[in-house]
Protein backbone atom coordinates (compact mmCIF):
# COMPACT_ATOMS: atom_id res chain seq x y z
CA MET A 1 -0.08 0.03 -0.03
CA LYS A 2 2.95 2.31 0.87
CA THR A 3 4.48 1.63 -2.60
CA MET A 4 1.05 2.49 -4.27
CA LYS A 5 1.00 6.03 -2.47
CA ILE A 6 4.58 6.79 -3.58
CA ILE A 7 3.73 5.88 -7.18
CA SER A 8 0.63 7.94 -7.00
CA TRP A 9 2.52 10.92 -5.59
CA LEU A 10 5.22 10.59 -8.32
CA ILE A 11 2.60 10.54 -11.02
CA LEU A 12 1.01 13.64 -9.67
CA LEU A 13 4.31 15.32 -9.33
CA LEU A 14 5.06 14.67 -13.10
CA VAL A 15 1.71 15.89 -14.13
CA VAL A 16 1.95 19.06 -12.18
CA SER A 17 5.58 19.85 -13.23
CA CYS A 18 4.71 19.28 -16.78
CA PRO A 19 1.67 21.48 -17.60
CA ALA A 20 2.06 21.96 -21.07
CA VAL A 21 3.10 19.08 -23.62
CA HIS A 22 4.84 20.37 -26.70
CA ALA A 23 4.58 18.64 -30.09
CA ASP A 24 7.78 16.93 -31.27
CA THR A 25 7.52 18.22 -34.69
CA ILE A 26 6.93 21.74 -35.98
CA ASP A 27 6.33 23.21 -39.38
CA TYR A 28 9.36 25.07 -40.98
CA TRP A 29 10.14 26.91 -44.02
CA HIS A 30 13.25 28.22 -45.87
CA VAL A 31 13.39 31.32 -47.88
CA PHE A 32 15.88 31.43 -50.93
CA TYR A 33 17.44 34.22 -52.81
CA ASN A 34 18.47 32.89 -56.16
CA ASN A 35 18.47 29.29 -54.89
CA ARG A 36 20.65 30.13 -51.88
CA ILE A 37 19.27 29.83 -48.37
CA LEU A 38 18.53 33.49 -47.09
CA GLU A 39 16.66 32.44 -43.95
CA LYS A 40 15.19 29.52 -42.04
CA PHE A 41 11.92 29.88 -40.05
CA SER A 42 9.59 27.71 -38.16
CA SER A 43 6.24 27.95 -36.53
CA THR A 44 7.97 28.91 -33.26
CA SER A 45 9.81 31.99 -35.03
CA ARG A 46 9.05 35.36 -33.61
CA ASP A 47 8.33 38.18 -35.97
CA PRO A 48 9.87 36.44 -38.99
CA SER A 49 11.26 39.00 -41.50
CA VAL A 50 13.44 39.42 -44.35
CA THR A 51 14.97 42.90 -45.64
CA LEU A 52 16.47 43.43 -49.15
CA GLN A 53 17.98 46.48 -50.66
CA LEU A 54 16.19 47.77 -53.77
CA GLY A 55 19.50 48.60 -55.63
CA SER A 56 20.76 44.98 -55.02
CA ILE A 57 17.94 43.37 -56.90
CA GLY A 58 18.88 42.09 -60.28
CA PRO A 59 16.57 41.55 -63.38
CA ARG A 60 16.60 37.75 -62.98
CA ASP A 61 16.77 37.53 -59.28
CA THR A 62 14.26 35.31 -57.52
CA LEU A 63 12.77 34.77 -53.93
CA SER A 64 11.58 31.20 -53.39
CA VAL A 65 9.94 29.49 -50.41
CA LYS A 66 9.85 25.66 -49.47
CA TYR A 67 7.30 24.69 -46.70
CA PHE A 68 7.70 21.52 -44.77
CA LYS A 69 5.55 19.86 -42.22
CA ASP A 70 5.30 16.45 -40.39
CA THR A 71 2.37 15.38 -42.70
CA PRO A 72 3.39 16.14 -46.22
CA CYS A 73 0.94 15.73 -49.06
CA MET A 74 2.58 15.08 -52.31
CA LYS A 75 -0.54 15.67 -54.44
CA CYS A 76 -2.23 18.52 -52.63
CA PRO A 77 -2.18 22.00 -54.24
CA VAL A 78 0.18 24.31 -52.36
CA ASN A 79 0.00 28.30 -52.64
CA LEU A 80 2.14 31.22 -51.89
CA LEU A 81 0.08 34.32 -51.32
CA ILE A 82 1.85 37.62 -51.19
CA GLN A 83 -0.29 40.63 -49.93
CA ASP A 84 0.77 44.28 -49.34
CA ASP A 85 0.67 45.85 -45.81
CA GLN A 86 -2.92 46.83 -46.45
CA LYS A 87 -3.83 43.16 -47.01
CA ASN A 88 -4.38 43.70 -50.88
CA THR A 89 -3.36 40.37 -52.76
CA LEU A 90 -0.57 41.31 -55.08
CA ARG A 91 0.53 37.97 -56.43
CA GLN A 92 -0.27 34.24 -55.85
CA PHE A 93 1.69 31.14 -56.82
CA LYS A 94 0.51 27.64 -57.01
CA SER A 95 2.23 24.27 -57.08
CA TYR A 96 1.77 20.69 -56.08
CA GLY A 97 3.25 18.84 -53.02
CA THR A 98 4.47 19.98 -49.80
CA GLY A 99 8.14 20.99 -49.97
CA SER A 100 7.94 22.11 -53.46
CA SER A 101 9.56 25.34 -54.30
CA LEU A 102 7.30 28.36 -54.85
CA ALA A 103 9.18 31.30 -56.46
CA ILE A 104 8.49 34.95 -57.47
CA PRO A 105 10.75 36.95 -59.73
CA LEU A 106 12.06 39.90 -57.32
CA LYS A 107 11.57 42.28 -60.21
CA ASP A 108 7.91 41.99 -59.82
CA LEU A 109 8.24 43.00 -56.10
CA ALA A 110 10.51 45.83 -56.88
CA GLU A 111 7.96 47.12 -59.48
CA PHE A 112 5.21 47.16 -56.73
CA LYS A 113 7.74 48.97 -54.46
CA ARG A 114 8.33 51.62 -57.16
CA LYS A 115 4.86 52.06 -58.70
CA ARG A 116 2.65 51.51 -55.86
CA ALA A 117 4.83 52.58 -52.85
CA VAL A 118 4.49 49.26 -51.19
CA ASN A 119 6.64 49.29 -48.16
CA SER A 120 6.37 45.66 -47.01
CA PHE A 121 5.20 42.39 -48.47
CA ILE A 122 3.43 39.61 -46.37
CA PHE A 123 3.96 36.04 -47.37
CA TYR A 124 1.41 33.30 -46.53
CA TYR A 125 1.39 29.56 -47.31
CA TYR A 126 -1.83 27.40 -47.63
CA GLU A 127 -2.91 24.05 -48.88
CA GLY A 128 -6.47 24.06 -50.22
CA ASP A 129 -8.39 26.28 -48.12
CA TYR A 130 -7.31 30.06 -48.09
CA LYS A 131 -8.92 30.55 -44.77
CA LEU A 132 -6.34 28.26 -43.28
CA ARG A 133 -3.24 30.28 -44.56
CA ILE A 134 -0.12 30.49 -42.54
CA PHE A 135 1.78 33.65 -42.10
CA LEU A 136 5.47 32.93 -43.06
CA PHE A 137 7.18 36.18 -42.90
CA LYS A 138 7.33 40.11 -43.93
CA LEU A 139 9.54 41.22 -46.70
CA LYS A 140 10.89 44.80 -46.63
CA ILE A 141 12.56 46.29 -49.59
CA ASN A 142 14.50 49.46 -48.74
């Protein structure tokens, strides 16, 4: 009986000392500038952002994103949505399969910066339902 009480107290101590259980996997994504990793983010990243200089953007430069998660879907449509800081949709790219590269020519974003005075670009990822989009990062072009 005494052993049972000790085991019960140990279990209670474990439950009380570990109030939150964390998942062992998290979603993560890589941002590439011309096929070179620029940044790595995850669902635990705080205020993920990327800053580029307008003068350093060449006519063939691209920014691409690869999104990874613990339950990949190789045939699902995946989308990269880019909005301005006023939540207006500027561009959207579609591919198939979690982890596929979603790329945008940086000259397009530089043009938005020049012609529409867009200060920052908000990148989202979603599979299927737009309402379930995930904020990836904010891009600023100075």
